[in-house]
Amino acid sequence: MMRYQTFILFGAPGSGKGTQGKTLGTIPRLYHCACGDVFRSIDTRTKVGKAFLDYSSKGQLVPDDITVELWREAIDAAVEAHKFKPDIDTLRARRHSAKCRTSQDHG
């Protein structure tokens, strides 16, 4: 499993993670990946996309393992599209604190 040099901003909803992330994302060699953007771009025809939709369409929180898999797929796609170059770029993501431990557990 590939490990990336990563900065994670975390805090309560509305604390400014997105604002700061967008600003940091303008710095060369920092790739910005927001989970909200990942969720909005989900292909709901895939297995993990259907699992996400099953929870979100009921207004339920999406389990951590599904969230992490969606995020991992988005990062892999950015690498394939040469938007994120892990050998020279630093990944910047924002999360609320409960998700940070799960992301660390998943590599």
PDB file of N, CA and C in Angstrom:
ATOM      1  N   MET A   1       0.831  -1.165   0.000  1.00  0.00           N
ATOM      2  CA  MET A   1       0.000   0.000   0.000  1.00  0.00           C
ATOM      3  C   MET A   1       0.889   1.245   0.000  1.00  0.00           C
ATOM      4  N   MET A   2       0.573   2.170  -0.868  1.00  0.00           N
ATOM      5  CA  MET A   2       1.328   3.415  -0.988  1.00  0.00           C
ATOM      6  C   MET A   2       1.001   4.345   0.170  1.00  0.00           C
ATOM      7  N   ARG A   3       2.006   4.940   0.751  1.00  0.00           N
ATOM      8  CA  ARG A   3       1.814   5.959   1.784  1.00  0.00           C
ATOM      9  C   ARG A   3       2.233   7.300   1.207  1.00  0.00           C
ATOM     10  N   TYR A   4       1.451   8.330   1.513  1.00  0.00           N
ATOM     11  CA  TYR A   4       1.703   9.650   0.967  1.00  0.00           C
ATOM     12  C   TYR A   4       2.082  10.620   2.079  1.00  0.00           C
ATOM     13  N   GLN A   5       2.968  11.555   1.750  1.00  0.00           N
ATOM     14  CA  GLN A   5       3.239  12.654   2.666  1.00  0.00           C
ATOM     15  C   GLN A   5       1.968  13.495   2.700  1.00  0.00           C
ATOM     16  N   THR A   6       1.382  13.650   3.885  1.00  0.00           N
ATOM     17  CA  THR A   6       0.055  14.249   3.984  1.00  0.00           C
ATOM     18  C   THR A   6      -0.045  15.236   5.131  1.00  0.00           C
ATOM     19  N   PHE A   7      -0.745  16.327   4.876  1.00  0.00           N
ATOM     20  CA  PHE A   7      -1.164  17.257   5.918  1.00  0.00           C
ATOM     21  C   PHE A   7      -2.667  17.116   6.022  1.00  0.00           C
ATOM     22  N   ILE A   8      -3.176  16.956   7.234  1.00  0.00           N
ATOM     23  CA  ILE A   8      -4.612  16.849   7.435  1.00  0.00           C
ATOM     24  C   ILE A   8      -5.055  17.980   8.349  1.00  0.00           C
ATOM     25  N   LEU A   9      -6.036  18.737   7.884  1.00  0.00           N
ATOM     26  CA  LEU A   9      -6.651  19.771   8.712  1.00  0.00           C
ATOM     27  C   LEU A   9      -7.911  19.161   9.305  1.00  0.00           C
ATOM     28  N   PHE A  10      -8.063  19.268  10.605  1.00  0.00           N
ATOM     29  CA  PHE A  10      -9.292  18.747  11.186  1.00  0.00           C
ATOM     30  C   PHE A  10      -9.846  19.721  12.204  1.00  0.00           C
ATOM     31  N   GLY A  11     -11.156  19.653  12.360  1.00  0.00           N
ATOM     32  CA  GLY A  11     -11.839  20.533  13.291  1.00  0.00           C
ATOM     33  C   GLY A  11     -13.337  20.359  13.135  1.00  0.00           C
ATOM     34  N   ALA A  12     -14.057  21.088  13.935  1.00  0.00           N
ATOM     35  CA  ALA A  12     -15.519  21.018  13.917  1.00  0.00           C
ATOM     36  C   ALA A  12     -16.062  21.602  12.617  1.00  0.00           C
ATOM     37  N   PRO A  13     -17.279  21.185  12.221  1.00  0.00           N
ATOM     38  CA  PRO A  13     -17.902  21.802  11.051  1.00  0.00           C
ATOM     39  C   PRO A  13     -17.962  23.321  11.222  1.00  0.00           C
ATOM     40  N   GLY A  14     -17.601  24.033  10.164  1.00  0.00           N
ATOM     41  CA  GLY A  14     -17.638  25.491  10.193  1.00  0.00           C
ATOM     42  C   GLY A  14     -16.427  26.157  10.816  1.00  0.00           C
ATOM     43  N   SER A  15     -15.406  25.372  11.136  1.00  0.00           N
ATOM     44  CA  SER A  15     -14.233  25.942  11.802  1.00  0.00           C
ATOM     45  C   SER A  15     -13.205  26.525  10.837  1.00  0.00           C
ATOM     46  N   GLY A  16     -13.433  26.407   9.536  1.00  0.00           N
ATOM     47  CA  GLY A  16     -12.528  27.024   8.567  1.00  0.00           C
ATOM     48  C   GLY A  16     -11.614  26.066   7.835  1.00  0.00           C
ATOM     49  N   LYS A  17     -11.850  24.758   7.959  1.00  0.00           N
ATOM     50  CA  LYS A  17     -10.993  23.768   7.277  1.00  0.00           C
ATOM     51  C   LYS A  17     -11.024  23.980   5.764  1.00  0.00           C
ATOM     52  N   GLY A  18     -12.197  24.176   5.222  1.00  0.00           N
ATOM     53  CA  GLY A  18     -12.323  24.362   3.780  1.00  0.00           C
ATOM     54  C   GLY A  18     -11.664  25.636   3.288  1.00  0.00           C
ATOM     55  N   THR A  19     -11.867  26.710   4.020  1.00  0.00           N
ATOM     56  CA  THR A  19     -11.256  27.996   3.659  1.00  0.00           C
ATOM     57  C   THR A  19      -9.735  27.886   3.660  1.00  0.00           C
ATOM     58  N   GLN A  20      -9.196  27.317   4.728  1.00  0.00           N
ATOM     59  CA  GLN A  20      -7.745  27.161   4.818  1.00  0.00           C
ATOM     60  C   GLN A  20      -7.229  26.183   3.766  1.00  0.00           C
ATOM     61  N   GLY A  21      -7.990  25.113   3.530  1.00  0.00           N
ATOM     62  CA  GLY A  21      -7.584  24.115   2.534  1.00  0.00           C
ATOM     63  C   GLY A  21      -7.497  24.696   1.139  1.00  0.00           C
ATOM     64  N   LYS A  22      -8.478  25.517   0.777  1.00  0.00           N
ATOM     65  CA  LYS A  22      -8.450  26.149  -0.548  1.00  0.00           C
ATOM     66  C   LYS A  22      -7.239  27.062  -0.678  1.00  0.00           C
ATOM     67  N   THR A  23      -6.935  27.797   0.374  1.00  0.00           N
ATOM     68  CA  THR A  23      -5.760  28.681   0.356  1.00  0.00           C
ATOM     69  C   THR A  23      -4.487  27.857   0.218  1.00  0.00           C
ATOM     70  N   LEU A  24      -4.346  26.818   1.039  1.00  0.00           N
ATOM     71  CA  LEU A  24      -3.148  25.972   0.960  1.00  0.00           C
ATOM     72  C   LEU A  24      -3.038  25.274  -0.391  1.00  0.00           C
ATOM     73  N   GLY A  25      -4.186  24.945  -0.986  1.00  0.00           N
ATOM     74  CA  GLY A  25      -4.192  24.265  -2.276  1.00  0.00           C
ATOM     75  C   GLY A  25      -3.642  25.096  -3.423  1.00  0.00           C
ATOM     76  N   THR A  26      -3.479  26.398  -3.200  1.00  0.00           N
ATOM     77  CA  THR A  26      -2.904  27.258  -4.248  1.00  0.00           C
ATOM     78  C   THR A  26      -1.383  27.227  -4.233  1.00  0.00           C
ATOM     79  N   ILE A  27      -0.806  26.643  -3.190  1.00  0.00           N
ATOM     80  CA  ILE A  27       0.649  26.562  -3.080  1.00  0.00           C
ATOM     81  C   ILE A  27       1.156  25.438  -3.983  1.00  0.00           C
ATOM     82  N   PRO A  28       2.133  25.710  -4.834  1.00  0.00           N
ATOM     83  CA  PRO A  28       2.665  24.659  -5.700  1.00  0.00           C
ATOM     84  C   PRO A  28       3.125  23.436  -4.898  1.00  0.00           C
ATOM     85  N   ARG A  29       2.855  22.261  -5.434  1.00  0.00           N
ATOM     86  CA  ARG A  29       3.228  20.947  -4.885  1.00  0.00           C
ATOM     87  C   ARG A  29       2.359  20.526  -3.703  1.00  0.00           C
ATOM     88  N   LEU A  30       1.280  21.280  -3.403  1.00  0.00           N
ATOM     89  CA  LEU A  30       0.300  20.839  -2.406  1.00  0.00           C
ATOM     90  C   LEU A  30      -0.973  20.467  -3.158  1.00  0.00           C
ATOM     91  N   TYR A  31      -1.375  19.211  -3.071  1.00  0.00           N
ATOM     92  CA  TYR A  31      -2.594  18.754  -3.725  1.00  0.00           C
ATOM     93  C   TYR A  31      -3.723  18.740  -2.702  1.00  0.00           C
ATOM     94  N   HIS A  32      -4.809  19.448  -2.991  1.00  0.00           N
ATOM     95  CA  HIS A  32      -5.945  19.578  -2.081  1.00  0.00           C
ATOM     96  C   HIS A  32      -7.015  18.551  -2.432  1.00  0.00           C
ATOM     97  N   CYS A  33      -7.419  17.747  -1.448  1.00  0.00           N
ATOM     98  CA  CYS A  33      -8.487  16.763  -1.642  1.00  0.00           C
ATOM     99  C   CYS A  33      -9.459  16.872  -0.478  1.00  0.00           C
ATOM    100  N   ALA A  34     -10.661  17.360  -0.750  1.00  0.00           N
ATOM    101  CA  ALA A  34     -11.684  17.515   0.281  1.00  0.00           C
ATOM    102  C   ALA A  34     -12.685  16.373   0.179  1.00  0.00           C
ATOM    103  N   CYS A  35     -13.025  15.800   1.308  1.00  0.00           N
ATOM    104  CA  CYS A  35     -13.974  14.673   1.302  1.00  0.00           C
ATOM    105  C   CYS A  35     -15.322  15.072   0.715  1.00  0.00           C
ATOM    106  N   GLY A  36     -15.748  16.295   0.937  1.00  0.00           N
ATOM    107  CA  GLY A  36     -17.012  16.734   0.342  1.00  0.00           C
ATOM    108  C   GLY A  36     -16.958  16.662  -1.170  1.00  0.00           C
ATOM    109  N   ASP A  37     -15.827  17.060  -1.756  1.00  0.00           N
ATOM    110  CA  ASP A  37     -15.660  16.967  -3.208  1.00  0.00           C
ATOM    111  C   ASP A  37     -15.678  15.511  -3.659  1.00  0.00           C
ATOM    112  N   VAL A  38     -15.049  14.648  -2.859  1.00  0.00           N
ATOM    113  CA  VAL A  38     -15.045  13.213  -3.177  1.00  0.00           C
ATOM    114  C   VAL A  38     -16.473  12.685  -3.155  1.00  0.00           C
ATOM    115  N   PHE A  39     -17.233  13.029  -2.130  1.00  0.00           N
ATOM    116  CA  PHE A  39     -18.612  12.548  -2.021  1.00  0.00           C
ATOM    117  C   PHE A  39     -19.470  13.047  -3.181  1.00  0.00           C
ATOM    118  N   ARG A  40     -19.270  14.303  -3.594  1.00  0.00           N
ATOM    119  CA  ARG A  40     -20.085  14.860  -4.682  1.00  0.00           C
ATOM    120  C   ARG A  40     -19.752  14.259  -6.044  1.00  0.00           C
ATOM    121  N   SER A  41     -18.600  13.622  -6.161  1.00  0.00           N
ATOM    122  CA  SER A  41     -18.203  13.072  -7.459  1.00  0.00           C
ATOM    123  C   SER A  41     -18.307  11.546  -7.521  1.00  0.00           C
ATOM    124  N   ILE A  42     -18.994  10.947  -6.575  1.00  0.00           N
ATOM    125  CA  ILE A  42     -19.101   9.486  -6.502  1.00  0.00           C
ATOM    126  C   ILE A  42     -19.847   8.928  -7.709  1.00  0.00           C
ATOM    127  N   ASP A  43     -19.317   7.833  -8.228  1.00  0.00           N
ATOM    128  CA  ASP A  43     -20.029   7.062  -9.243  1.00  0.00           C
ATOM    129  C   ASP A  43     -20.896   6.061  -8.491  1.00  0.00           C
ATOM    130  N   THR A  44     -22.185   6.330  -8.428  1.00  0.00           N
ATOM    131  CA  THR A  44     -23.092   5.494  -7.641  1.00  0.00           C
ATOM    132  C   THR A  44     -23.411   4.159  -8.321  1.00  0.00           C
ATOM    133  N   ARG A  45     -22.771   3.896  -9.454  1.00  0.00           N
ATOM    134  CA  ARG A  45     -22.944   2.589 -10.115  1.00  0.00           C
ATOM    135  C   ARG A  45     -21.951   1.565  -9.594  1.00  0.00           C
ATOM    136  N   THR A  46     -20.907   2.027  -8.876  1.00  0.00           N
ATOM    137  CA  THR A  46     -19.896   1.110  -8.354  1.00  0.00           C
ATOM    138  C   THR A  46     -20.367   0.513  -7.030  1.00  0.00           C
ATOM    139  N   LYS A  47     -19.697  -0.548  -6.597  1.00  0.00           N
ATOM    140  CA  LYS A  47     -20.057  -1.200  -5.335  1.00  0.00           C
ATOM    141  C   LYS A  47     -19.954  -0.230  -4.161  1.00  0.00           C
ATOM    142  N   VAL A  48     -18.832   0.471  -4.065  1.00  0.00           N
ATOM    143  CA  VAL A  48     -18.647   1.401  -2.947  1.00  0.00           C
ATOM    144  C   VAL A  48     -19.572   2.614  -3.092  1.00  0.00           C
ATOM    145  N   GLY A  49     -19.851   3.039  -4.318  1.00  0.00           N
ATOM    146  CA  GLY A  49     -20.788   4.136  -4.557  1.00  0.00           C
ATOM    147  C   GLY A  49     -22.201   3.766  -4.132  1.00  0.00           C
ATOM    148  N   LYS A  50     -22.606   2.534  -4.416  1.00  0.00           N
ATOM    149  CA  LYS A  50     -23.924   2.058  -3.987  1.00  0.00           C
ATOM    150  C   LYS A  50     -24.008   1.970  -2.471  1.00  0.00           C
ATOM    151  N   ALA A  51     -22.918   1.529  -1.842  1.00  0.00           N
ATOM    152  CA  ALA A  51     -22.896   1.445  -0.382  1.00  0.00           C
ATOM    153  C   ALA A  51     -23.034   2.842   0.224  1.00  0.00           C
ATOM    154  N   PHE A  52     -22.321   3.821  -0.343  1.00  0.00           N
ATOM    155  CA  PHE A  52     -22.433   5.208   0.111  1.00  0.00           C
ATOM    156  C   PHE A  52     -23.869   5.689  -0.025  1.00  0.00           C
ATOM    157  N   LEU A  53     -24.465   5.458  -1.193  1.00  0.00           N
ATOM    158  CA  LEU A  53     -25.824   5.920  -1.470  1.00  0.00           C
ATOM    159  C   LEU A  53     -26.833   5.282  -0.523  1.00  0.00           C
ATOM    160  N   ASP A  54     -26.619   4.019  -0.171  1.00  0.00           N
ATOM    161  CA  ASP A  54     -27.521   3.320   0.740  1.00  0.00           C
ATOM    162  C   ASP A  54     -27.629   4.052   2.073  1.00  0.00           C
ATOM    163  N   TYR A  55     -26.525   4.548   2.584  1.00  0.00           N
ATOM    164  CA  TYR A  55     -26.536   5.276   3.856  1.00  0.00           C
ATOM    165  C   TYR A  55     -26.989   6.719   3.672  1.00  0.00           C
ATOM    166  N   SER A  56     -26.381   7.413   2.715  1.00  0.00           N
ATOM    167  CA  SER A  56     -26.631   8.853   2.578  1.00  0.00           C
ATOM    168  C   SER A  56     -28.072   9.147   2.161  1.00  0.00           C
ATOM    169  N   SER A  57     -28.686   8.283   1.366  1.00  0.00           N
ATOM    170  CA  SER A  57     -30.066   8.524   0.927  1.00  0.00           C
ATOM    171  C   SER A  57     -31.059   8.405   2.083  1.00  0.00           C
ATOM    172  N   LYS A  58     -30.642   7.764   3.160  1.00  0.00           N
ATOM    173  CA  LYS A  58     -31.481   7.635   4.363  1.00  0.00           C
ATOM    174  C   LYS A  58     -31.122   8.686   5.405  1.00  0.00           C
ATOM    175  N   GLY A  59     -30.184   9.575   5.062  1.00  0.00           N
ATOM    176  CA  GLY A  59     -29.760  10.607   6.005  1.00  0.00           C
ATOM    177  C   GLY A  59     -28.858  10.084   7.107  1.00  0.00           C
ATOM    178  N   GLN A  60     -28.291   8.900   6.886  1.00  0.00           N
ATOM    179  CA  GLN A  60     -27.413   8.291   7.885  1.00  0.00           C
ATOM    180  C   GLN A  60     -25.956   8.648   7.599  1.00  0.00           C
ATOM    181  N   LEU A  61     -25.136   8.595   8.641  1.00  0.00           N
ATOM    182  CA  LEU A  61     -23.706   8.794   8.457  1.00  0.00           C
ATOM    183  C   LEU A  61     -23.127   7.593   7.720  1.00  0.00           C
ATOM    184  N   VAL A  62     -22.244   7.867   6.796  1.00  0.00           N
ATOM    185  CA  VAL A  62     -21.582   6.805   6.037  1.00  0.00           C
ATOM    186  C   VAL A  62     -20.473   6.225   6.912  1.00  0.00           C
ATOM    187  N   PRO A  63     -20.423   4.894   7.062  1.00  0.00           N
ATOM    188  CA  PRO A  63     -19.382   4.292   7.905  1.00  0.00           C
ATOM    189  C   PRO A  63     -17.971   4.649   7.429  1.00  0.00           C
ATOM    190  N   ASP A  64     -17.058   4.661   8.395  1.00  0.00           N
ATOM    191  CA  ASP A  64     -15.682   5.054   8.124  1.00  0.00           C
ATOM    192  C   ASP A  64     -15.037   4.222   7.024  1.00  0.00           C
ATOM    193  N   ASP A  65     -15.257   2.911   7.013  1.00  0.00           N
ATOM    194  CA  ASP A  65     -14.578   2.080   6.017  1.00  0.00           C
ATOM    195  C   ASP A  65     -15.005   2.440   4.601  1.00  0.00           C
ATOM    196  N   ILE A  66     -16.259   2.800   4.410  1.00  0.00           N
ATOM    197  CA  ILE A  66     -16.737   3.217   3.088  1.00  0.00           C
ATOM    198  C   ILE A  66     -16.143   4.572   2.730  1.00  0.00           C
ATOM    199  N   THR A  67     -16.132   5.502   3.678  1.00  0.00           N
ATOM    200  CA  THR A  67     -15.556   6.827   3.448  1.00  0.00           C
ATOM    201  C   THR A  67     -14.087   6.726   3.063  1.00  0.00           C
ATOM    202  N   VAL A  68     -13.334   5.924   3.787  1.00  0.00           N
ATOM    203  CA  VAL A  68     -11.902   5.775   3.505  1.00  0.00           C
ATOM    204  C   VAL A  68     -11.695   5.147   2.129  1.00  0.00           C
ATOM    205  N   GLU A  69     -12.495   4.158   1.771  1.00  0.00           N
ATOM    206  CA  GLU A  69     -12.358   3.526   0.447  1.00  0.00           C
ATOM    207  C   GLU A  69     -12.672   4.522  -0.667  1.00  0.00           C
ATOM    208  N   LEU A  70     -13.711   5.328  -0.500  1.00  0.00           N
ATOM    209  CA  LEU A  70     -14.034   6.353  -1.497  1.00  0.00           C
ATOM    210  C   LEU A  70     -12.894   7.349  -1.641  1.00  0.00           C
ATOM    211  N   TRP A  71     -12.326   7.758  -0.516  1.00  0.00           N
ATOM    212  CA  TRP A  71     -11.218   8.709  -0.532  1.00  0.00           C
ATOM    213  C   TRP A  71     -10.006   8.086  -1.219  1.00  0.00           C
ATOM    214  N   ARG A  72      -9.720   6.829  -0.891  1.00  0.00           N
ATOM    215  CA  ARG A  72      -8.583   6.137  -1.508  1.00  0.00           C
ATOM    216  C   ARG A  72      -8.765   6.049  -3.033  1.00  0.00           C
ATOM    217  N   GLU A  73      -9.973   5.721  -3.477  1.00  0.00           N
ATOM    218  CA  GLU A  73     -10.232   5.655  -4.919  1.00  0.00           C
ATOM    219  C   GLU A  73     -10.037   7.016  -5.585  1.00  0.00           C
ATOM    220  N   ALA A  74     -10.462   8.072  -4.906  1.00  0.00           N
ATOM    221  CA  ALA A  74     -10.297   9.417  -5.474  1.00  0.00           C
ATOM    222  C   ALA A  74      -8.823   9.786  -5.598  1.00  0.00           C
ATOM    223  N   ILE A  75      -8.036   9.448  -4.591  1.00  0.00           N
ATOM    224  CA  ILE A  75      -6.601   9.743  -4.641  1.00  0.00           C
ATOM    225  C   ILE A  75      -5.935   8.913  -5.736  1.00  0.00           C
ATOM    226  N   ASP A  76      -6.279   7.633  -5.823  1.00  0.00           N
ATOM    227  CA  ASP A  76      -5.721   6.785  -6.882  1.00  0.00           C
ATOM    228  C   ASP A  76      -6.052   7.348  -8.261  1.00  0.00           C
ATOM    229  N   ALA A  77      -7.286   7.836  -8.440  1.00  0.00           N
ATOM    230  CA  ALA A  77      -7.682   8.425  -9.726  1.00  0.00           C
ATOM    231  C   ALA A  77      -6.891   9.700 -10.008  1.00  0.00           C
ATOM    232  N   ALA A  78      -6.638  10.511  -8.972  1.00  0.00           N
ATOM    233  CA  ALA A  78      -5.845  11.733  -9.157  1.00  0.00           C
ATOM    234  C   ALA A  78      -4.414  11.398  -9.547  1.00  0.00           C
ATOM    235  N   VAL A  79      -3.877  10.319  -8.984  1.00  0.00           N
ATOM    236  CA  VAL A  79      -2.523   9.879  -9.352  1.00  0.00           C
ATOM    237  C   VAL A  79      -2.512   9.439 -10.815  1.00  0.00           C
ATOM    238  N   GLU A  80      -3.492   8.625 -11.204  1.00  0.00           N
ATOM    239  CA  GLU A  80      -3.565   8.137 -12.593  1.00  0.00           C
ATOM    240  C   GLU A  80      -3.725   9.281 -13.584  1.00  0.00           C
ATOM    241  N   ALA A  81      -4.456  10.328 -13.179  1.00  0.00           N
ATOM    242  CA  ALA A  81      -4.682  11.483 -14.057  1.00  0.00           C
ATOM    243  C   ALA A  81      -3.541  12.497 -13.988  1.00  0.00           C
ATOM    244  N   HIS A  82      -2.516  12.195 -13.205  1.00  0.00           N
ATOM    245  CA  HIS A  82      -1.344  13.060 -13.028  1.00  0.00           C
ATOM    246  C   HIS A  82      -1.702  14.412 -12.400  1.00  0.00           C
ATOM    247  N   LYS A  83      -2.813  14.457 -11.652  1.00  0.00           N
ATOM    248  CA  LYS A  83      -3.168  15.652 -10.901  1.00  0.00           C
ATOM    249  C   LYS A  83      -2.405  15.686  -9.579  1.00  0.00           C
ATOM    250  N   PHE A  84      -2.196  14.508  -8.993  1.00  0.00           N
ATOM    251  CA  PHE A  84      -1.437  14.362  -7.760  1.00  0.00           C
ATOM    252  C   PHE A  84      -0.241  13.470  -8.060  1.00  0.00           C
ATOM    253  N   LYS A  85       0.946  14.004  -7.824  1.00  0.00           N
ATOM    254  CA  LYS A  85       2.193  13.278  -8.098  1.00  0.00           C
ATOM    255  C   LYS A  85       2.859  12.981  -6.766  1.00  0.00           C
ATOM    256  N   PRO A  86       2.622  11.779  -6.201  1.00  0.00           N
ATOM    257  CA  PRO A  86       3.079  11.500  -4.844  1.00  0.00           C
ATOM    258  C   PRO A  86       4.586  11.573  -4.641  1.00  0.00           C
ATOM    259  N   ASP A  87       5.358  11.432  -5.696  1.00  0.00           N
ATOM    260  CA  ASP A  87       6.817  11.508  -5.533  1.00  0.00           C
ATOM    261  C   ASP A  87       7.300  12.941  -5.315  1.00  0.00           C
ATOM    262  N   ILE A  88       6.498  13.943  -5.719  1.00  0.00           N
ATOM    263  CA  ILE A  88       6.925  15.333  -5.548  1.00  0.00           C
ATOM    264  C   ILE A  88       5.882  16.205  -4.854  1.00  0.00           C
ATOM    265  N   ASP A  89       4.637  15.755  -4.750  1.00  0.00           N
ATOM    266  CA  ASP A  89       3.566  16.550  -4.148  1.00  0.00           C
ATOM    267  C   ASP A  89       3.290  16.109  -2.717  1.00  0.00           C
ATOM    268  N   THR A  90       2.704  17.016  -1.958  1.00  0.00           N
ATOM    269  CA  THR A  90       2.201  16.714  -0.626  1.00  0.00           C
ATOM    270  C   THR A  90       0.683  16.753  -0.691  1.00  0.00           C
ATOM    271  N   LEU A  91       0.061  15.750  -0.136  1.00  0.00           N
ATOM    272  CA  LEU A  91      -1.398  15.653  -0.104  1.00  0.00           C
ATOM    273  C   LEU A  91      -1.922  16.474   1.061  1.00  0.00           C
ATOM    274  N   ARG A  92      -2.970  17.251   0.820  1.00  0.00           N
ATOM    275  CA  ARG A  92      -3.596  18.049   1.856  1.00  0.00           C
ATOM    276  C   ARG A  92      -5.066  17.678   1.875  1.00  0.00           C
ATOM    277  N   ALA A  93      -5.553  17.239   3.022  1.00  0.00           N
ATOM    278  CA  ALA A  93      -6.944  16.840   3.166  1.00  0.00           C
ATOM    279  C   ALA A  93      -7.510  17.451   4.429  1.00  0.00           C
ATOM    280  N   ARG A  94      -8.815  17.512   4.479  1.00  0.00           N
ATOM    281  CA  ARG A  94      -9.436  17.996   5.709  1.00  0.00           C
ATOM    282  C   ARG A  94     -10.421  16.950   6.198  1.00  0.00           C
ATOM    283  N   ARG A  95     -10.475  16.796   7.486  1.00  0.00           N
ATOM    284  CA  ARG A  95     -11.330  15.786   8.112  1.00  0.00           C
ATOM    285  C   ARG A  95     -11.782  16.303   9.467  1.00  0.00           C
ATOM    286  N   HIS A  96     -12.879  15.774   9.941  1.00  0.00           N
ATOM    287  CA  HIS A  96     -13.177  16.043  11.344  1.00  0.00           C
ATOM    288  C   HIS A  96     -12.452  14.995  12.162  1.00  0.00           C
ATOM    289  N   SER A  97     -12.212  15.273  13.409  1.00  0.00           N
ATOM    290  CA  SER A  97     -11.287  14.484  14.222  1.00  0.00           C
ATOM    291  C   SER A  97     -11.647  13.011  14.323  1.00  0.00           C
ATOM    292  N   ALA A  98     -12.919  12.640  14.291  1.00  0.00           N
ATOM    293  CA  ALA A  98     -13.292  11.226  14.422  1.00  0.00           C
ATOM    294  C   ALA A  98     -12.797  10.410  13.236  1.00  0.00           C
ATOM    295  N   LYS A  99     -12.658  11.016  12.075  1.00  0.00           N
ATOM    296  CA  LYS A  99     -12.209  10.294  10.884  1.00  0.00           C
ATOM    297  C   LYS A  99     -10.695  10.149  10.825  1.00  0.00           C
ATOM    298  N   CYS A 100      -9.962  10.968  11.542  1.00  0.00           N
ATOM    299  CA  CYS A 100      -8.503  10.933  11.455  1.00  0.00           C
ATOM    300  C   CYS A 100      -7.922   9.591  11.871  1.00  0.00           C
ATOM    301  N   ARG A 101      -8.404   9.026  12.956  1.00  0.00           N
ATOM    302  CA  ARG A 101      -7.882   7.742  13.420  1.00  0.00           C
ATOM    303  C   ARG A 101      -8.151   6.659  12.379  1.00  0.00           C
ATOM    304  N   THR A 102      -9.348   6.663  11.799  1.00  0.00           N
ATOM    305  CA  THR A 102      -9.683   5.664  10.791  1.00  0.00           C
ATOM    306  C   THR A 102      -8.799   5.793   9.570  1.00  0.00           C
ATOM    307  N   SER A 103      -8.529   6.993   9.110  1.00  0.00           N
ATOM    308  CA  SER A 103      -7.649   7.187   7.956  1.00  0.00           C
ATOM    309  C   SER A 103      -6.256   6.672   8.248  1.00  0.00           C
ATOM    310  N   GLN A 104      -5.771   6.903   9.452  1.00  0.00           N
ATOM    311  CA  GLN A 104      -4.445   6.431   9.842  1.00  0.00           C
ATOM    312  C   GLN A 104      -4.427   4.912   9.878  1.00  0.00           C
ATOM    313  N   ASP A 105      -5.483   4.301  10.377  1.00  0.00           N
ATOM    314  CA  ASP A 105      -5.566   2.848  10.449  1.00  0.00           C
ATOM    315  C   ASP A 105      -5.551   2.201   9.076  1.00  0.00           C
ATOM    316  N   HIS A 106      -6.053   2.915   8.063  1.00  0.00           N
ATOM    317  CA  HIS A 106      -6.162   2.372   6.719  1.00  0.00           C
ATOM    318  C   HIS A 106      -4.987   2.736   5.816  1.00  0.00           C
ATOM    319  N   GLY A 107      -3.910   3.255   6.375  1.00  0.00           N
ATOM    320  CA  GLY A 107      -2.715   3.476   5.588  1.00  0.00           C
ATOM    321  C   GLY A 107      -2.534   4.854   5.103  1.00  0.00           C
TER     322      GLY A 107
END
